[in-house]
Protein backbone atom coordinates (compact mmCIF):
# COMPACT_ATOMS: atom_id res chain seq x y z
CA MET A 1 -0.04 0.04 -0.03
CA LYS A 2 3.02 2.35 0.59
CA LYS A 3 3.78 2.31 -3.15
CA ILE A 4 0.19 3.13 -4.03
CA THR A 5 0.07 5.95 -1.52
CA LEU A 6 3.27 7.49 -2.93
CA ALA A 7 1.96 7.16 -6.47
CA PHE A 8 -1.27 8.78 -5.47
CA LEU A 9 0.49 11.75 -3.79
CA LEU A 10 2.64 12.35 -6.78
CA PHE A 11 -0.37 12.13 -9.00
CA ALA A 12 -2.49 14.47 -6.71
CA LEU A 13 0.21 17.25 -6.38
CA PRO A 14 -0.91 19.16 -9.54
CA PHE A 15 -4.50 19.63 -8.08
CA SER A 16 -5.38 23.10 -6.89
CA SER A 17 -5.08 24.13 -3.23
CA ALA A 18 -8.84 24.65 -3.22
CA LEU A 19 -9.31 20.91 -3.91
CA ALA A 20 -6.76 20.17 -0.98
CA GLN A 21 -8.74 22.40 1.29
CA ASP A 22 -11.99 20.59 0.26
CA THR A 23 -10.18 17.29 1.08
CA LEU A 24 -9.45 18.57 4.48
CA ARG A 25 -13.04 19.61 5.06
CA MET A 26 -14.13 16.22 3.82
CA SER A 27 -11.99 14.45 6.43
CA ARG A 28 -13.89 16.33 9.17
CA ALA A 29 -17.32 15.70 7.68
CA LYS A 30 -17.71 12.29 9.30
CA SER A 31 -16.03 10.63 12.32
CA PHE A 32 -14.19 7.44 11.31
CA PRO A 33 -14.47 4.89 14.04
CA LYS A 34 -11.20 3.01 14.46
CA LEU A 35 -10.72 -0.74 14.95
CA PRO A 36 -8.28 -2.17 17.51
CA LYS A 37 -4.74 -2.63 16.22
CA SER A 38 -4.23 -6.08 17.85
CA SER A 39 -4.78 -9.20 15.85
CA GLU A 40 -6.33 -10.89 18.91
CA ALA A 41 -8.95 -8.17 19.34
CA LEU A 42 -9.79 -8.50 15.59
CA GLY A 43 -10.15 -12.34 15.79
CA ILE A 44 -7.01 -12.95 13.62
CA SER A 45 -5.59 -16.23 14.78
CA PRO A 46 -1.66 -16.71 15.08
CA GLU A 47 -1.92 -19.49 12.48
CA VAL A 48 -3.55 -17.09 10.04
CA GLU A 49 -0.94 -14.44 10.71
CA GLN A 50 1.86 -16.96 10.19
CA ARG A 51 0.35 -18.31 6.93
CA ASN A 52 -0.22 -14.84 5.47
CA SER A 53 3.34 -13.55 6.48
CA LEU A 54 4.72 -16.00 4.02
CA LEU A 55 2.79 -14.75 1.04
CA VAL A 56 4.40 -12.45 -1.51
CA ASN A 57 2.33 -9.49 -2.79
CA ALA A 58 -0.66 -10.43 -0.64
CA PRO A 59 -3.89 -8.54 -1.31
CA MET A 60 -5.45 -6.13 1.27
CA ASN A 61 -8.85 -7.44 2.43
CA ILE A 62 -11.48 -4.83 3.46
CA ALA A 63 -14.95 -5.76 4.87
CA LEU A 64 -17.87 -4.02 3.16
CA PHE A 65 -21.00 -3.78 5.15
CA GLY A 66 -24.40 -2.58 4.01
CA THR A 67 -27.06 -2.27 6.68
CA ASP A 68 -30.84 -1.99 6.46
CA SER A 69 -30.90 1.09 8.79
CA ARG A 70 -31.92 4.52 7.43
CA ASN A 71 -30.33 6.32 10.24
CA SER A 72 -26.53 6.32 10.69
CA GLN A 73 -27.02 6.27 14.45
CA VAL A 74 -28.95 3.08 14.48
CA LYS A 75 -27.10 -0.28 13.85
CA GLY A 76 -29.09 -2.58 11.66
CA ASN A 77 -28.41 -6.18 10.38
CA ALA A 78 -25.68 -6.32 7.79
CA ASP A 79 -27.67 -7.48 4.72
CA VAL A 80 -24.61 -6.80 2.51
CA ILE A 81 -21.34 -8.53 3.65
CA ILE A 82 -18.61 -8.41 0.97
CA ILE A 83 -14.88 -8.81 1.27
CA LEU A 84 -13.11 -6.57 -1.13
CA SER A 85 -9.55 -7.76 -1.99
CA ILE A 86 -7.28 -5.31 -3.67
CA ASN A 87 -3.94 -6.46 -4.95
CA PRO A 88 -1.74 -3.43 -5.80
CA SER A 89 0.88 -5.71 -7.43
CA THR A 90 -1.38 -7.62 -9.87
CA GLN A 91 -4.02 -4.81 -10.28
CA LYS A 92 -6.73 -7.32 -9.45
CA LEU A 93 -9.88 -6.48 -7.70
CA LYS A 94 -12.05 -9.36 -6.08
CA MET A 95 -15.36 -9.33 -4.32
CA SER A 96 -16.27 -12.25 -2.06
CA SER A 97 -19.91 -12.23 -0.87
CA ILE A 98 -20.95 -13.87 2.36
CA LEU A 99 -24.52 -14.84 2.29
CA ARG A 100 -26.32 -13.16 5.29
CA ASP A 101 -28.07 -16.29 6.71
CA THR A 102 -24.80 -18.24 7.04
CA TYR A 103 -24.78 -19.94 10.44
CA VAL A 104 -21.71 -18.92 12.41
CA ASP A 105 -20.34 -18.56 15.88
CA ILE A 106 -20.65 -14.93 17.18
CA GLU A 107 -18.57 -14.11 20.17
CA GLY A 108 -20.75 -13.44 23.22
CA ILE A 109 -23.89 -14.58 21.39
CA GLY A 110 -23.33 -18.05 20.17
CA MET A 111 -24.45 -19.60 16.88
CA ASP A 112 -26.63 -17.21 14.76
CA LYS A 113 -26.89 -15.75 11.46
CA ILE A 114 -23.76 -13.79 10.36
CA ASN A 115 -25.76 -10.59 9.60
CA ALA A 116 -26.62 -10.26 13.25
CA ALA A 117 -23.03 -9.63 14.28
CA TYR A 118 -23.19 -6.00 13.01
CA ALA A 119 -26.41 -5.19 14.81
CA GLN A 120 -25.23 -6.79 18.03
CA GLY A 121 -21.70 -5.37 18.16
CA GLY A 122 -21.10 -2.97 15.31
CA PRO A 123 -18.20 -3.19 12.90
CA LEU A 124 -15.78 -4.64 15.37
CA LEU A 125 -17.87 -7.67 16.18
CA ALA A 126 -18.71 -8.09 12.47
CA VAL A 127 -15.12 -8.09 11.47
CA LYS A 128 -14.18 -10.38 14.29
CA THR A 129 -16.92 -12.79 13.30
CA ILE A 130 -15.64 -13.05 9.72
CA ASN A 131 -12.06 -13.44 10.75
CA ARG A 132 -12.80 -16.13 13.41
CA ASN A 133 -15.09 -18.22 11.36
CA PHE A 134 -13.35 -18.06 7.99
CA ALA A 135 -9.63 -17.71 8.92
CA LEU A 136 -9.04 -14.30 7.48
CA ASP A 137 -6.96 -11.22 8.41
CA ILE A 138 -9.32 -8.34 7.74
CA LYS A 139 -8.28 -5.17 9.66
CA ASP A 140 -10.51 -2.53 8.12
CA TYR A 141 -14.06 -1.97 7.10
CA ILE A 142 -16.30 0.30 5.13
CA HIS A 143 -19.92 0.72 5.89
CA VAL A 144 -22.91 2.29 4.12
CA ASP A 145 -26.57 2.47 5.03
CA PHE A 146 -29.55 3.14 2.66
CA LEU A 147 -29.06 6.89 2.59
CA SER A 148 -25.29 6.95 1.94
CA ALA A 149 -25.56 4.10 -0.59
CA ALA A 150 -28.24 6.21 -2.52
CA ALA A 151 -26.05 9.27 -2.35
CA ILE A 152 -23.01 7.44 -3.76
CA VAL A 153 -25.06 6.07 -6.65
CA ASN A 154 -26.50 9.50 -7.46
CA ALA A 155 -23.06 11.12 -7.24
CA LEU A 156 -21.88 8.83 -10.14
CA GLY A 157 -25.00 9.55 -12.25
CA GLY A 158 -26.76 6.26 -11.44
CA VAL A 159 -25.90 2.67 -12.42
CA ASN A 160 -26.73 0.67 -15.40
CA ILE A 161 -28.43 -2.59 -14.49
CA ASN A 162 -30.05 -5.18 -16.74
CA LEU A 163 -33.51 -5.71 -15.03
CA LYS A 164 -35.39 -8.97 -15.53
CA PRO A 165 -39.16 -8.76 -16.05
CA GLU A 166 -39.78 -10.74 -12.74
CA GLU A 167 -37.82 -8.09 -10.81
CA LEU A 168 -39.68 -5.11 -11.94
CA THR A 169 -42.68 -5.23 -9.56
CA TYR A 170 -40.59 -6.09 -6.53
CA LEU A 171 -38.18 -3.13 -7.41
CA ASN A 172 -40.98 -0.58 -7.58
CA ASN A 173 -42.60 -1.80 -4.40
CA TYR A 174 -39.34 -1.33 -2.60
CA VAL A 175 -38.89 2.10 -4.14
CA LYS A 176 -42.17 3.11 -2.53
CA GLU A 177 -41.17 1.69 0.79
CA ILE A 178 -37.78 3.34 0.97
CA SER A 179 -38.27 6.99 1.95
CA PHE A 180 -35.80 9.56 3.20
CA ASP A 181 -36.48 12.83 4.97
CA GLY A 182 -37.21 15.55 2.39
CA ASP A 183 -36.87 12.99 -0.34
CA ILE A 184 -38.55 13.86 -3.75
CA PRO A 185 -40.80 10.93 -4.91
CA VAL A 186 -39.09 8.62 -7.35
CA ALA A 187 -40.87 7.60 -10.49
CA PRO A 188 -41.27 3.79 -10.90
CA VAL A 189 -39.12 2.00 -13.42
CA SER A 190 -41.45 1.44 -16.38
CA LYS A 191 -39.82 -1.61 -18.09
CA ALA A 192 -37.28 -4.45 -17.88
CA GLY A 193 -33.98 -4.49 -19.80
CA LEU A 194 -30.90 -2.29 -19.41
CA GLN A 195 -31.92 0.71 -17.25
CA ASN A 196 -30.05 3.48 -15.52
CA LEU A 197 -31.08 3.28 -11.88
CA ASN A 198 -30.81 6.36 -9.55
CA GLY A 199 -29.74 5.92 -5.98
CA ARG A 200 -33.16 5.08 -4.50
CA GLN A 201 -33.98 2.66 -7.26
CA ALA A 202 -30.53 0.95 -7.03
CA VAL A 203 -31.05 0.47 -3.22
CA ALA A 204 -34.43 -1.02 -3.82
CA TYR A 205 -32.94 -3.36 -6.52
CA THR A 206 -30.43 -4.76 -3.98
CA ARG A 207 -33.35 -5.50 -1.50
CA ILE A 208 -35.24 -7.76 -3.89
CA ARG A 209 -35.34 -11.26 -2.40
CA ASP A 210 -38.51 -12.96 -3.62
CA ALA A 211 -37.54 -13.13 -7.39
CA GLY A 212 -35.25 -15.94 -8.54
CA ARG A 213 -33.29 -17.88 -5.98
CA GLY A 214 -34.00 -15.83 -2.87
CA ASP A 215 -30.96 -14.66 -1.11
CA TYR A 216 -28.61 -16.19 -3.58
CA ASP A 217 -29.82 -13.88 -6.39
CA ARG A 218 -30.16 -11.05 -4.01
CA THR A 219 -26.52 -11.29 -3.19
CA ASP A 220 -25.78 -11.29 -6.99
CA ARG A 221 -27.83 -8.07 -7.32
CA GLN A 222 -25.77 -6.39 -4.64
CA LYS A 223 -22.58 -7.36 -6.39
CA ALA A 224 -24.02 -6.12 -9.75
CA VAL A 225 -24.58 -2.64 -8.25
CA LEU A 226 -21.12 -2.60 -6.82
CA VAL A 227 -19.49 -3.75 -10.00
CA ALA A 228 -21.54 -1.10 -11.90
CA LEU A 229 -20.26 1.60 -9.48
CA PHE A 230 -16.60 0.46 -9.76
CA SER A 231 -17.00 0.36 -13.56
CA LYS A 232 -18.26 3.96 -13.51
CA MET A 233 -15.30 5.04 -11.50
CA GLN A 234 -12.91 3.20 -13.70
CA GLY A 235 -14.44 4.57 -16.78
CA GLY A 236 -14.20 8.15 -15.51
CA GLY A 237 -10.68 7.72 -14.49
CA VAL A 238 -8.75 10.65 -12.83
CA ASN A 239 -11.55 13.08 -13.85
CA LEU A 240 -13.83 11.50 -11.15
CA LEU A 241 -11.22 12.38 -8.41
CA PRO A 242 -13.10 15.56 -7.29
CA VAL A 243 -16.36 13.49 -7.09
CA PHE A 244 -14.64 10.72 -5.27
CA LEU A 245 -13.28 13.22 -2.67
CA SER A 246 -16.33 15.40 -2.30
CA LYS A 247 -19.28 13.12 -2.89
CA ILE A 248 -18.27 9.57 -2.20
CA LEU A 249 -15.81 9.53 0.70
CA PRO A 250 -18.08 11.69 3.01
CA ASN A 251 -20.68 8.99 2.61
CA LEU A 252 -18.49 6.21 3.79
CA GLU A 253 -18.22 5.18 7.53
CA THR A 254 -14.84 3.46 7.77
CA SER A 255 -11.96 2.64 10.01
CA MET A 256 -9.47 3.42 7.28
CA ASN A 257 -7.48 6.61 7.53
CA GLN A 258 -7.58 9.28 4.72
CA PHE A 259 -4.39 8.22 2.99
CA MET A 260 -5.64 4.57 2.87
CA LEU A 261 -8.83 5.78 1.34
CA LEU A 262 -7.18 7.93 -1.31
CA SER A 263 -4.90 5.04 -2.14
CA MET A 264 -7.73 2.81 -2.55
CA GLY A 265 -9.61 5.33 -4.72
CA SER A 266 -6.48 5.88 -6.75
CA HIS A 267 -6.13 2.15 -7.41
CA ILE A 268 -9.69 1.83 -8.54
CA LEU A 269 -9.62 4.83 -10.73
CA ASN A 270 -6.28 3.87 -12.40
CA SER A 271 -6.70 0.14 -12.42
CA LYS A 272 -6.01 -1.51 -15.85
CA THR A 273 -8.06 -4.45 -14.87
CA LYS A 274 -11.63 -3.80 -16.00
CA VAL A 275 -13.06 -7.17 -14.73
CA ILE A 276 -13.79 -7.64 -11.03
CA GLU A 277 -13.64 -11.26 -10.06
CA GLN A 278 -16.61 -12.31 -7.95
CA GLY A 279 -17.44 -15.16 -5.69
CA ARG A 280 -20.30 -16.10 -3.35
CA PHE A 281 -19.75 -18.02 -0.21
CA PRO A 282 -20.46 -20.61 1.23
CA LEU A 283 -20.51 -22.64 -1.95
CA ASP A 284 -23.65 -24.56 -2.75
CA SER A 285 -21.63 -27.78 -2.43
CA ALA A 286 -20.59 -26.91 1.14
CA SER A 287 -23.90 -25.58 2.51
CA LYS A 288 -27.60 -26.33 2.96
CA GLY A 289 -30.53 -24.61 4.54
CA GLU A 290 -31.97 -25.95 7.84
CA ARG A 291 -34.57 -24.72 10.23
CA ILE A 292 -33.46 -24.53 13.84
CA ASN A 293 -36.11 -23.37 16.33
CA ASN A 294 -38.29 -22.47 13.44
CA ILE A 295 -35.70 -20.12 12.08
CA TRP A 296 -34.05 -20.72 8.66
CA TYR A 297 -30.25 -20.74 8.65
CA LEU A 298 -27.69 -21.55 5.99
CA LYS A 299 -25.52 -24.19 7.59
CA THR A 300 -22.05 -24.69 6.18
CA ASP A 301 -18.76 -26.66 6.75
CA LEU A 302 -16.78 -23.62 8.05
CA LYS A 303 -13.45 -25.26 7.36
CA ALA A 304 -14.35 -26.12 3.77
CA THR A 305 -15.64 -22.49 3.30
CA SER A 306 -12.53 -21.06 4.79
CA ASN A 307 -10.48 -23.09 2.27
CA SER A 308 -12.64 -21.93 -0.61
CA LEU A 309 -12.32 -18.27 0.39
CA TYR A 310 -8.56 -18.65 0.79
CA ASN A 311 -8.18 -20.26 -2.61
CA PHE A 312 -10.33 -17.62 -4.32
CA ILE A 313 -8.54 -14.62 -2.71
CA TYR A 314 -5.10 -15.83 -2.62
CA LYS A 315 -4.69 -18.62 -5.20
CA ASP A 316 -6.83 -17.22 -8.02
CA VAL A 317 -9.04 -20.45 -7.77
CA LYS A 318 -12.46 -19.54 -9.46
CA ALA A 319 -15.29 -19.66 -7.05
CA GLY A 320 -17.69 -22.17 -8.53
CA ASN A 321 -21.31 -22.52 -7.09
């Protein structure tokens, strides 16, 4: 990451002092909760540390959480749980989605759905839960709620999504349900096919669960919106830097410091790799739905899923479902 930071600083020097002042104002716009520095506090085992210390050019893994709250002061369940892996050496970007109903051990709570960790203990417990159950070394997170996610999509001029006919009714129902203070009513999407969705419509799209294969397809929709956002950023290149600084970063709650955020943004904006590799975990072959006390969970072989995640993130093994 040091190389990326240096490259970004050299790149950013020609920008005006006014932009630099805007950047400083941006950094004060939102408090950035920090995570503990110790591996033990983050749920990173000594075995994982030893394993990853032997890797050359290992990617940086960041947890992305999207919650169903519409108020940044209220912690909701993490309905979006994605591990973003950025490899500055190979220029690769990978997204590993964790299905929200996955049955895992949450410290202090016991076995429960993984999406409950964020609601019960915020980003620290959510990150710790991922690390402990899937043998990972995540040290930072990014969080968005409904309002901030919609603002980011709007800042980039919407996202292009290929809507299926069976998704249309559900999307428009969710658009009506999602309301923000002072929000202008959003017109319904009139037809299926390739559509440019605004922020509220895109958030509604990611909430669809009853069309297709339930939560499996819902997770794919979430990734589709993220991929569309990254593609917009890559397509705009360095011209989008002012937007990234003034419209996107202020809408992220994150443990990352400003230099790390700018480095990450620089990597995405300048990446020569236009394809974001995607995986959904646990794999179908290593999981099954089961009712426990009349609640539906996705039970999985945690060791097998940990191996699958490691192979996808670190060994370039395709994630087949």
